[in-house]
PDB file of N, CA and C in Angstrom:
ATOM      1  N   UNK A   1     -24.627  12.344  -3.838  1.00  0.00           N
ATOM      2  CA  UNK A   1     -24.065  12.763  -2.560  1.00  0.00           C
ATOM      3  C   UNK A   1     -23.233  13.952  -2.745  1.00  0.00           C
ATOM      4  N   UNK A   2     -23.520  14.766  -1.712  1.00  0.00           N
ATOM      5  CA  UNK A   2     -22.766  15.973  -1.656  1.00  0.00           C
ATOM      6  C   UNK A   2     -21.437  16.191  -0.854  1.00  0.00           C
ATOM      7  N   UNK A   3     -21.047  14.853  -0.258  1.00  0.00           N
ATOM      8  CA  UNK A   3     -19.707  14.885   0.281  1.00  0.00           C
ATOM      9  C   UNK A   3     -18.846  13.866  -0.781  1.00  0.00           C
ATOM     10  N   UNK A   4     -19.139  13.827  -1.756  1.00  0.00           N
ATOM     11  CA  UNK A   4     -18.250  13.185  -2.636  1.00  0.00           C
ATOM     12  C   UNK A   4     -17.905  13.649  -3.853  1.00  0.00           C
ATOM     13  N   UNK A   5     -16.802  13.722  -4.486  1.00  0.00           N
ATOM     14  CA  UNK A   5     -16.124  14.111  -5.853  1.00  0.00           C
ATOM     15  C   UNK A   5     -15.328  13.213  -6.404  1.00  0.00           C
ATOM     16  N   UNK A   6     -15.519  13.056  -7.709  1.00  0.00           N
ATOM     17  CA  UNK A   6     -14.750  12.262  -8.475  1.00  0.00           C
ATOM     18  C   UNK A   6     -13.870  13.126  -9.168  1.00  0.00           C
ATOM     19  N   UNK A   7     -12.230  12.870  -9.019  1.00  0.00           N
ATOM     20  CA  UNK A   7     -11.659  13.389  -9.738  1.00  0.00           C
ATOM     21  C   UNK A   7     -10.902  12.545 -10.471  1.00  0.00           C
ATOM     22  N   UNK A   8     -10.817  12.601 -12.136  1.00  0.00           N
ATOM     23  CA  UNK A   8     -10.285  11.603 -12.949  1.00  0.00           C
ATOM     24  C   UNK A   8      -8.734  11.873 -13.100  1.00  0.00           C
ATOM     25  N   UNK A   9      -7.938  11.089 -13.164  1.00  0.00           N
ATOM     26  CA  UNK A   9      -6.392  11.401 -13.266  1.00  0.00           C
ATOM     27  C   UNK A   9      -6.123  11.856 -14.457  1.00  0.00           C
ATOM     28  N   UNK A  10      -6.545  11.426 -15.485  1.00  0.00           N
ATOM     29  CA  UNK A  10      -6.335  12.293 -16.816  1.00  0.00           C
ATOM     30  C   UNK A  10      -6.769  13.617 -16.927  1.00  0.00           C
ATOM     31  N   UNK A  11      -7.891  13.973 -16.051  1.00  0.00           N
ATOM     32  CA  UNK A  11      -8.145  15.491 -16.049  1.00  0.00           C
ATOM     33  C   UNK A  11      -7.401  16.209 -15.204  1.00  0.00           C
ATOM     34  N   UNK A  12      -6.598  15.710 -14.129  1.00  0.00           N
ATOM     35  CA  UNK A  12      -5.654  16.187 -13.375  1.00  0.00           C
ATOM     36  C   UNK A  12      -4.382  16.379 -14.065  1.00  0.00           C
ATOM     37  N   UNK A  13      -4.012  15.499 -14.746  1.00  0.00           N
ATOM     38  CA  UNK A  13      -2.809  15.615 -15.689  1.00  0.00           C
ATOM     39  C   UNK A  13      -2.937  16.623 -16.926  1.00  0.00           C
ATOM     40  N   UNK A  14      -3.969  16.501 -17.467  1.00  0.00           N
ATOM     41  CA  UNK A  14      -4.304  17.380 -18.491  1.00  0.00           C
ATOM     42  C   UNK A  14      -4.366  18.846 -18.338  1.00  0.00           C
ATOM     43  N   UNK A  15      -5.264  19.188 -17.260  1.00  0.00           N
ATOM     44  CA  UNK A  15      -5.570  20.337 -16.900  1.00  0.00           C
ATOM     45  C   UNK A  15      -5.426  20.554 -15.377  1.00  0.00           C
ATOM     46  N   UNK A  16      -4.105  20.729 -14.817  1.00  0.00           N
ATOM     47  CA  UNK A  16      -4.137  20.564 -13.428  1.00  0.00           C
ATOM     48  C   UNK A  16      -4.979  21.523 -12.481  1.00  0.00           C
ATOM     49  N   UNK A  17      -4.754  22.964 -13.241  1.00  0.00           N
ATOM     50  CA  UNK A  17      -5.180  24.138 -12.376  1.00  0.00           C
ATOM     51  C   UNK A  17      -6.602  24.046 -12.248  1.00  0.00           C
ATOM     52  N   UNK A  18      -7.303  23.739 -13.396  1.00  0.00           N
ATOM     53  CA  UNK A  18      -8.849  23.504 -13.332  1.00  0.00           C
ATOM     54  C   UNK A  18      -9.031  22.284 -12.361  1.00  0.00           C
ATOM     55  N   UNK A  19      -8.550  21.279 -12.364  1.00  0.00           N
ATOM     56  CA  UNK A  19      -8.673  20.190 -11.485  1.00  0.00           C
ATOM     57  C   UNK A  19      -8.791  20.723 -10.063  1.00  0.00           C
ATOM     58  N   UNK A  20      -7.714  21.151  -9.777  1.00  0.00           N
ATOM     59  CA  UNK A  20      -7.436  21.621  -8.288  1.00  0.00           C
ATOM     60  C   UNK A  20      -8.303  22.779  -8.023  1.00  0.00           C
ATOM     61  N   UNK A  21      -8.498  23.781  -8.730  1.00  0.00           N
ATOM     62  CA  UNK A  21      -9.484  24.752  -8.468  1.00  0.00           C
ATOM     63  C   UNK A  21     -11.004  23.965  -8.095  1.00  0.00           C
ATOM     64  N   UNK A  22     -11.269  23.044  -8.815  1.00  0.00           N
ATOM     65  CA  UNK A  22     -12.689  22.223  -8.667  1.00  0.00           C
ATOM     66  C   UNK A  22     -12.489  21.583  -7.346  1.00  0.00           C
ATOM     67  N   UNK A  23     -11.424  20.982  -6.947  1.00  0.00           N
ATOM     68  CA  UNK A  23     -11.300  20.135  -5.661  1.00  0.00           C
ATOM     69  C   UNK A  23     -11.416  21.453  -4.718  1.00  0.00           C
ATOM     70  N   UNK A  24     -10.487  22.421  -4.775  1.00  0.00           N
ATOM     71  CA  UNK A  24     -10.476  23.426  -3.559  1.00  0.00           C
ATOM     72  C   UNK A  24     -11.937  24.030  -3.470  1.00  0.00           C
ATOM     73  N   UNK A  25     -12.759  24.229  -4.377  1.00  0.00           N
ATOM     74  CA  UNK A  25     -14.058  24.623  -4.256  1.00  0.00           C
ATOM     75  C   UNK A  25     -14.921  23.834  -3.706  1.00  0.00           C
ATOM     76  N   UNK A  26     -14.715  22.556  -3.737  1.00  0.00           N
ATOM     77  CA  UNK A  26     -15.501  21.363  -3.148  1.00  0.00           C
ATOM     78  C   UNK A  26     -15.442  21.237  -1.766  1.00  0.00           C
ATOM     79  N   UNK A  27     -13.904  21.453  -1.422  1.00  0.00           N
ATOM     80  CA  UNK A  27     -13.415  21.312   0.041  1.00  0.00           C
ATOM     81  C   UNK A  27     -13.472  22.558   0.624  1.00  0.00           C
ATOM     82  N   UNK A  28     -13.878  23.530   0.028  1.00  0.00           N
ATOM     83  CA  UNK A  28     -13.830  25.018   0.776  1.00  0.00           C
ATOM     84  C   UNK A  28     -12.607  25.457   1.119  1.00  0.00           C
ATOM     85  N   UNK A  29     -11.672  25.359   0.169  1.00  0.00           N
ATOM     86  CA  UNK A  29     -10.539  25.683   0.484  1.00  0.00           C
ATOM     87  C   UNK A  29      -9.769  26.735  -0.650  1.00  0.00           C
ATOM     88  N   UNK A  30      -9.249  27.920  -0.072  1.00  0.00           N
ATOM     89  CA  UNK A  30      -8.650  28.756  -1.112  1.00  0.00           C
ATOM     90  C   UNK A  30      -7.748  28.226  -2.063  1.00  0.00           C
ATOM     91  N   UNK A  31      -7.775  28.435  -3.289  1.00  0.00           N
ATOM     92  CA  UNK A  31      -6.783  27.760  -4.398  1.00  0.00           C
ATOM     93  C   UNK A  31      -5.442  28.993  -4.060  1.00  0.00           C
ATOM     94  N   UNK A  32      -4.292  28.077  -4.288  1.00  0.00           N
ATOM     95  CA  UNK A  32      -3.024  28.831  -4.098  1.00  0.00           C
ATOM     96  C   UNK A  32      -2.285  28.398  -5.374  1.00  0.00           C
ATOM     97  N   UNK A  33      -1.807  29.312  -6.022  1.00  0.00           N
ATOM     98  CA  UNK A  33      -1.129  28.942  -7.381  1.00  0.00           C
ATOM     99  C   UNK A  33       0.267  27.839  -7.081  1.00  0.00           C
ATOM    100  N   UNK A  34       0.602  28.044  -5.908  1.00  0.00           N
ATOM    101  CA  UNK A  34       1.718  26.984  -5.627  1.00  0.00           C
ATOM    102  C   UNK A  34       1.317  25.655  -5.625  1.00  0.00           C
ATOM    103  N   UNK A  35      -0.024  25.337  -5.627  1.00  0.00           N
ATOM    104  CA  UNK A  35      -0.507  23.938  -5.582  1.00  0.00           C
ATOM    105  C   UNK A  35      -0.312  23.558  -7.120  1.00  0.00           C
ATOM    106  N   UNK A  36      -0.300  24.127  -7.828  1.00  0.00           N
ATOM    107  CA  UNK A  36       0.166  23.740  -9.337  1.00  0.00           C
ATOM    108  C   UNK A  36       1.697  23.514  -9.524  1.00  0.00           C
ATOM    109  N   UNK A  37       2.400  24.460  -8.948  1.00  0.00           N
ATOM    110  CA  UNK A  37       3.956  24.299  -9.086  1.00  0.00           C
ATOM    111  C   UNK A  37       4.687  24.206  -8.081  1.00  0.00           C
ATOM    112  N   UNK A  38       4.492  22.939  -7.431  1.00  0.00           N
ATOM    113  CA  UNK A  38       5.316  22.659  -6.130  1.00  0.00           C
ATOM    114  C   UNK A  38       6.818  22.538  -6.875  1.00  0.00           C
ATOM    115  N   UNK A  39       7.793  22.757  -5.717  1.00  0.00           N
ATOM    116  CA  UNK A  39       9.256  22.693  -6.143  1.00  0.00           C
ATOM    117  C   UNK A  39       9.691  21.284  -6.959  1.00  0.00           C
ATOM    118  N   UNK A  40       8.984  20.271  -6.274  1.00  0.00           N
ATOM    119  CA  UNK A  40       9.438  18.968  -6.869  1.00  0.00           C
ATOM    120  C   UNK A  40       8.363  18.503  -8.108  1.00  0.00           C
ATOM    121  N   UNK A  41       7.756  19.338  -8.466  1.00  0.00           N
ATOM    122  CA  UNK A  41       6.805  19.204  -9.835  1.00  0.00           C
ATOM    123  C   UNK A  41       7.369  18.299 -11.126  1.00  0.00           C
ATOM    124  N   UNK A  42       8.384  18.776 -11.321  1.00  0.00           N
ATOM    125  CA  UNK A  42       9.342  18.277 -12.596  1.00  0.00           C
ATOM    126  C   UNK A  42       9.743  17.011 -12.191  1.00  0.00           C
ATOM    127  N   UNK A  43      10.418  17.013 -11.030  1.00  0.00           N
ATOM    128  CA  UNK A  43      10.882  15.385 -10.473  1.00  0.00           C
ATOM    129  C   UNK A  43       9.765  14.425 -10.695  1.00  0.00           C
ATOM    130  N   UNK A  44       8.498  14.917 -10.152  1.00  0.00           N
ATOM    131  CA  UNK A  44       7.600  13.990 -10.047  1.00  0.00           C
ATOM    132  C   UNK A  44       6.928  13.647 -11.372  1.00  0.00           C
ATOM    133  N   UNK A  45       6.955  14.554 -12.303  1.00  0.00           N
ATOM    134  CA  UNK A  45       6.391  14.293 -13.460  1.00  0.00           C
ATOM    135  C   UNK A  45       7.378  13.519 -14.555  1.00  0.00           C
ATOM    136  N   UNK A  46       8.437  13.477 -14.237  1.00  0.00           N
ATOM    137  CA  UNK A  46       9.586  12.636 -14.849  1.00  0.00           C
ATOM    138  C   UNK A  46       9.471  11.371 -14.548  1.00  0.00           C
ATOM    139  N   UNK A  47       8.947  11.193 -13.109  1.00  0.00           N
ATOM    140  CA  UNK A  47       8.895   9.623 -12.737  1.00  0.00           C
ATOM    141  C   UNK A  47       7.660   8.944 -13.383  1.00  0.00           C
ATOM    142  N   UNK A  48       6.598   9.899 -13.649  1.00  0.00           N
ATOM    143  CA  UNK A  48       5.275   9.280 -14.237  1.00  0.00           C
ATOM    144  C   UNK A  48       5.278   8.594 -15.635  1.00  0.00           C
ATOM    145  N   UNK A  49       4.570   7.674 -15.907  1.00  0.00           N
ATOM    146  CA  UNK A  49       4.656   7.471 -17.160  1.00  0.00           C
ATOM    147  C   UNK A  49       3.324   7.987 -17.800  1.00  0.00           C
ATOM    148  N   UNK A  50       3.337   8.039 -19.072  1.00  0.00           N
ATOM    149  CA  UNK A  50       2.006   8.781 -19.841  1.00  0.00           C
ATOM    150  C   UNK A  50       0.761   8.154 -19.167  1.00  0.00           C
ATOM    151  N   UNK A  51      -0.321   8.758 -19.203  1.00  0.00           N
ATOM    152  CA  UNK A  51      -1.803   8.289 -18.954  1.00  0.00           C
ATOM    153  C   UNK A  51      -1.935   7.016 -19.656  1.00  0.00           C
ATOM    154  N   UNK A  52      -2.268   6.050 -18.944  1.00  0.00           N
ATOM    155  CA  UNK A  52      -2.760   4.906 -19.638  1.00  0.00           C
ATOM    156  C   UNK A  52      -1.355   3.769 -19.868  1.00  0.00           C
ATOM    157  N   UNK A  53      -0.378   4.159 -19.687  1.00  0.00           N
ATOM    158  CA  UNK A  53       0.887   3.388 -19.844  1.00  0.00           C
ATOM    159  C   UNK A  53       0.925   1.890 -19.175  1.00  0.00           C
ATOM    160  N   UNK A  54       0.089   1.964 -18.036  1.00  0.00           N
ATOM    161  CA  UNK A  54      -0.074   0.796 -17.134  1.00  0.00           C
ATOM    162  C   UNK A  54      -0.252  -0.388 -17.934  1.00  0.00           C
ATOM    163  N   UNK A  55      -1.252  -0.183 -19.077  1.00  0.00           N
ATOM    164  CA  UNK A  55      -1.674  -1.267 -19.889  1.00  0.00           C
ATOM    165  C   UNK A  55      -0.592  -1.989 -20.633  1.00  0.00           C
ATOM    166  N   UNK A  56       0.440  -1.207 -21.193  1.00  0.00           N
ATOM    167  CA  UNK A  56       1.529  -1.658 -21.934  1.00  0.00           C
ATOM    168  C   UNK A  56       2.577  -2.433 -21.099  1.00  0.00           C
ATOM    169  N   UNK A  57       2.393  -2.365 -19.697  1.00  0.00           N
ATOM    170  CA  UNK A  57       3.460  -2.847 -18.877  1.00  0.00           C
ATOM    171  C   UNK A  57       3.180  -4.395 -18.243  1.00  0.00           C
ATOM    172  N   UNK A  58       1.723  -4.483 -18.419  1.00  0.00           N
ATOM    173  CA  UNK A  58       1.160  -5.735 -18.093  1.00  0.00           C
ATOM    174  C   UNK A  58       1.192  -6.896 -19.252  1.00  0.00           C
ATOM    175  N   UNK A  59       1.361  -7.850 -18.824  1.00  0.00           N
ATOM    176  CA  UNK A  59       1.286  -9.068 -19.910  1.00  0.00           C
ATOM    177  C   UNK A  59      -0.330  -9.246 -20.310  1.00  0.00           C
ATOM    178  N   UNK A  60      -0.537  -9.931 -21.411  1.00  0.00           N
ATOM    179  CA  UNK A  60      -1.953 -10.159 -21.886  1.00  0.00           C
ATOM    180  C   UNK A  60      -2.640 -11.134 -20.723  1.00  0.00           C
ATOM    181  N   UNK A  61      -1.945 -11.996 -20.158  1.00  0.00           N
ATOM    182  CA  UNK A  61      -2.548 -12.714 -18.924  1.00  0.00           C
ATOM    183  C   UNK A  61      -2.839 -11.745 -17.887  1.00  0.00           C
ATOM    184  N   UNK A  62      -2.063 -10.955 -17.535  1.00  0.00           N
ATOM    185  CA  UNK A  62      -2.431  -9.798 -16.374  1.00  0.00           C
ATOM    186  C   UNK A  62      -3.649  -9.230 -16.586  1.00  0.00           C
ATOM    187  N   UNK A  63      -3.675  -8.620 -18.009  1.00  0.00           N
ATOM    188  CA  UNK A  63      -4.755  -7.763 -18.268  1.00  0.00           C
ATOM    189  C   UNK A  63      -5.958  -8.344 -18.421  1.00  0.00           C
ATOM    190  N   UNK A  64      -6.111  -9.593 -18.554  1.00  0.00           N
ATOM    191  CA  UNK A  64      -7.142 -10.806 -18.478  1.00  0.00           C
ATOM    192  C   UNK A  64      -7.626 -10.811 -17.083  1.00  0.00           C
ATOM    193  N   UNK A  65      -6.636 -11.011 -16.310  1.00  0.00           N
ATOM    194  CA  UNK A  65      -6.966 -11.207 -14.876  1.00  0.00           C
ATOM    195  C   UNK A  65      -7.540  -9.925 -14.124  1.00  0.00           C
ATOM    196  N   UNK A  66      -6.864  -8.757 -14.750  1.00  0.00           N
ATOM    197  CA  UNK A  66      -7.379  -7.348 -14.336  1.00  0.00           C
ATOM    198  C   UNK A  66      -8.788  -7.326 -14.701  1.00  0.00           C
ATOM    199  N   UNK A  67      -9.128  -7.533 -15.824  1.00  0.00           N
ATOM    200  CA  UNK A  67     -10.498  -7.364 -16.408  1.00  0.00           C
ATOM    201  C   UNK A  67     -11.538  -8.361 -15.829  1.00  0.00           C
ATOM    202  N   UNK A  68     -11.080  -9.453 -15.305  1.00  0.00           N
ATOM    203  CA  UNK A  68     -12.103 -10.265 -14.293  1.00  0.00           C
ATOM    204  C   UNK A  68     -12.105  -9.623 -12.902  1.00  0.00           C
ATOM    205  N   UNK A  69     -11.257  -9.081 -12.614  1.00  0.00           N
ATOM    206  CA  UNK A  69     -11.611  -8.128 -11.087  1.00  0.00           C
ATOM    207  C   UNK A  69     -12.303  -6.988 -11.234  1.00  0.00           C
ATOM    208  N   UNK A  70     -11.670  -5.886 -12.162  1.00  0.00           N
ATOM    209  CA  UNK A  70     -11.984  -4.644 -12.379  1.00  0.00           C
ATOM    210  C   UNK A  70     -12.905  -4.188 -13.604  1.00  0.00           C
ATOM    211  N   UNK A  71     -12.829  -5.074 -14.546  1.00  0.00           N
ATOM    212  CA  UNK A  71     -13.513  -4.822 -15.760  1.00  0.00           C
ATOM    213  C   UNK A  71     -14.883  -4.001 -15.744  1.00  0.00           C
ATOM    214  N   UNK A  72     -15.799  -4.692 -14.916  1.00  0.00           N
ATOM    215  CA  UNK A  72     -17.103  -3.982 -14.874  1.00  0.00           C
ATOM    216  C   UNK A  72     -16.841  -2.674 -14.413  1.00  0.00           C
ATOM    217  N   UNK A  73     -15.887  -2.520 -13.354  1.00  0.00           N
ATOM    218  CA  UNK A  73     -15.925  -0.867 -12.891  1.00  0.00           C
ATOM    219  C   UNK A  73     -15.191  -0.099 -13.636  1.00  0.00           C
ATOM    220  N   UNK A  74     -14.419  -0.536 -14.656  1.00  0.00           N
ATOM    221  CA  UNK A  74     -13.737   0.290 -15.726  1.00  0.00           C
ATOM    222  C   UNK A  74     -14.917   0.774 -16.540  1.00  0.00           C
ATOM    223  N   UNK A  75     -15.673  -0.102 -16.843  1.00  0.00           N
ATOM    224  CA  UNK A  75     -16.841   0.220 -17.940  1.00  0.00           C
ATOM    225  C   UNK A  75     -17.735   1.137 -17.215  1.00  0.00           C
ATOM    226  N   UNK A  76     -17.970   0.868 -16.070  1.00  0.00           N
ATOM    227  CA  UNK A  76     -18.898   1.883 -15.233  1.00  0.00           C
ATOM    228  C   UNK A  76     -18.390   3.578 -15.034  1.00  0.00           C
ATOM    229  N   UNK A  77     -17.100   3.234 -15.216  1.00  0.00           N
ATOM    230  CA  UNK A  77     -16.386   4.547 -14.976  1.00  0.00           C
ATOM    231  C   UNK A  77     -16.192   5.221 -16.404  1.00  0.00           C
ATOM    232  N   UNK A  78     -16.506   4.586 -17.439  1.00  0.00           N
ATOM    233  CA  UNK A  78     -16.267   5.029 -18.739  1.00  0.00           C
ATOM    234  C   UNK A  78     -15.039   4.618 -19.569  1.00  0.00           C
ATOM    235  N   UNK A  79     -14.220   3.749 -18.962  1.00  0.00           N
ATOM    236  CA  UNK A  79     -12.975   3.488 -19.435  1.00  0.00           C
ATOM    237  C   UNK A  79     -13.206   1.961 -20.128  1.00  0.00           C
ATOM    238  N   UNK A  80     -12.437   1.689 -21.197  1.00  0.00           N
ATOM    239  CA  UNK A  80     -12.480   0.722 -22.015  1.00  0.00           C
ATOM    240  C   UNK A  80     -11.789  -0.674 -21.045  1.00  0.00           C
ATOM    241  N   UNK A  81     -11.997  -1.870 -21.574  1.00  0.00           N
ATOM    242  CA  UNK A  81     -11.332  -2.892 -20.695  1.00  0.00           C
ATOM    243  C   UNK A  81      -9.910  -2.899 -20.596  1.00  0.00           C
ATOM    244  N   UNK A  82      -9.424  -3.452 -19.680  1.00  0.00           N
ATOM    245  CA  UNK A  82      -7.967  -3.532 -19.349  1.00  0.00           C
ATOM    246  C   UNK A  82      -7.095  -3.957 -20.529  1.00  0.00           C
ATOM    247  N   UNK A  83      -7.656  -5.042 -21.115  1.00  0.00           N
ATOM    248  CA  UNK A  83      -7.061  -5.588 -22.130  1.00  0.00           C
ATOM    249  C   UNK A  83      -7.238  -5.062 -23.554  1.00  0.00           C
ATOM    250  N   UNK A  84      -7.878  -3.968 -23.561  1.00  0.00           N
ATOM    251  CA  UNK A  84      -8.042  -3.374 -24.869  1.00  0.00           C
ATOM    252  C   UNK A  84      -6.864  -2.373 -25.051  1.00  0.00           C
ATOM    253  N   UNK A  85      -6.200  -2.459 -26.020  1.00  0.00           N
ATOM    254  CA  UNK A  85      -5.093  -1.710 -26.204  1.00  0.00           C
ATOM    255  C   UNK A  85      -5.604  -0.118 -26.933  1.00  0.00           C
ATOM    256  N   UNK A  86      -5.269   0.790 -26.176  1.00  0.00           N
ATOM    257  CA  UNK A  86      -5.832   1.935 -26.483  1.00  0.00           C
ATOM    258  C   UNK A  86      -4.611   2.819 -27.345  1.00  0.00           C
TER     259      UNK A  86
END
């Protein structure tokens, strides 16, 4: 599809500028350096947990329930099951 772009959160966090440049190119918007350094960036980053930390916050029962509903999609997208501790 030429009207679909997948952006992985991990890529956005690991290399914000490259990810945003790619998105800008896709939507035909000029990239601006201000996109990678908004005034509230430090505050936003401080509030975020590390990538994948959600797995540590859920109980084993919750992780199994998540796998029942979304496990196939996680696999399809290249991720391990929710209950796999990475």
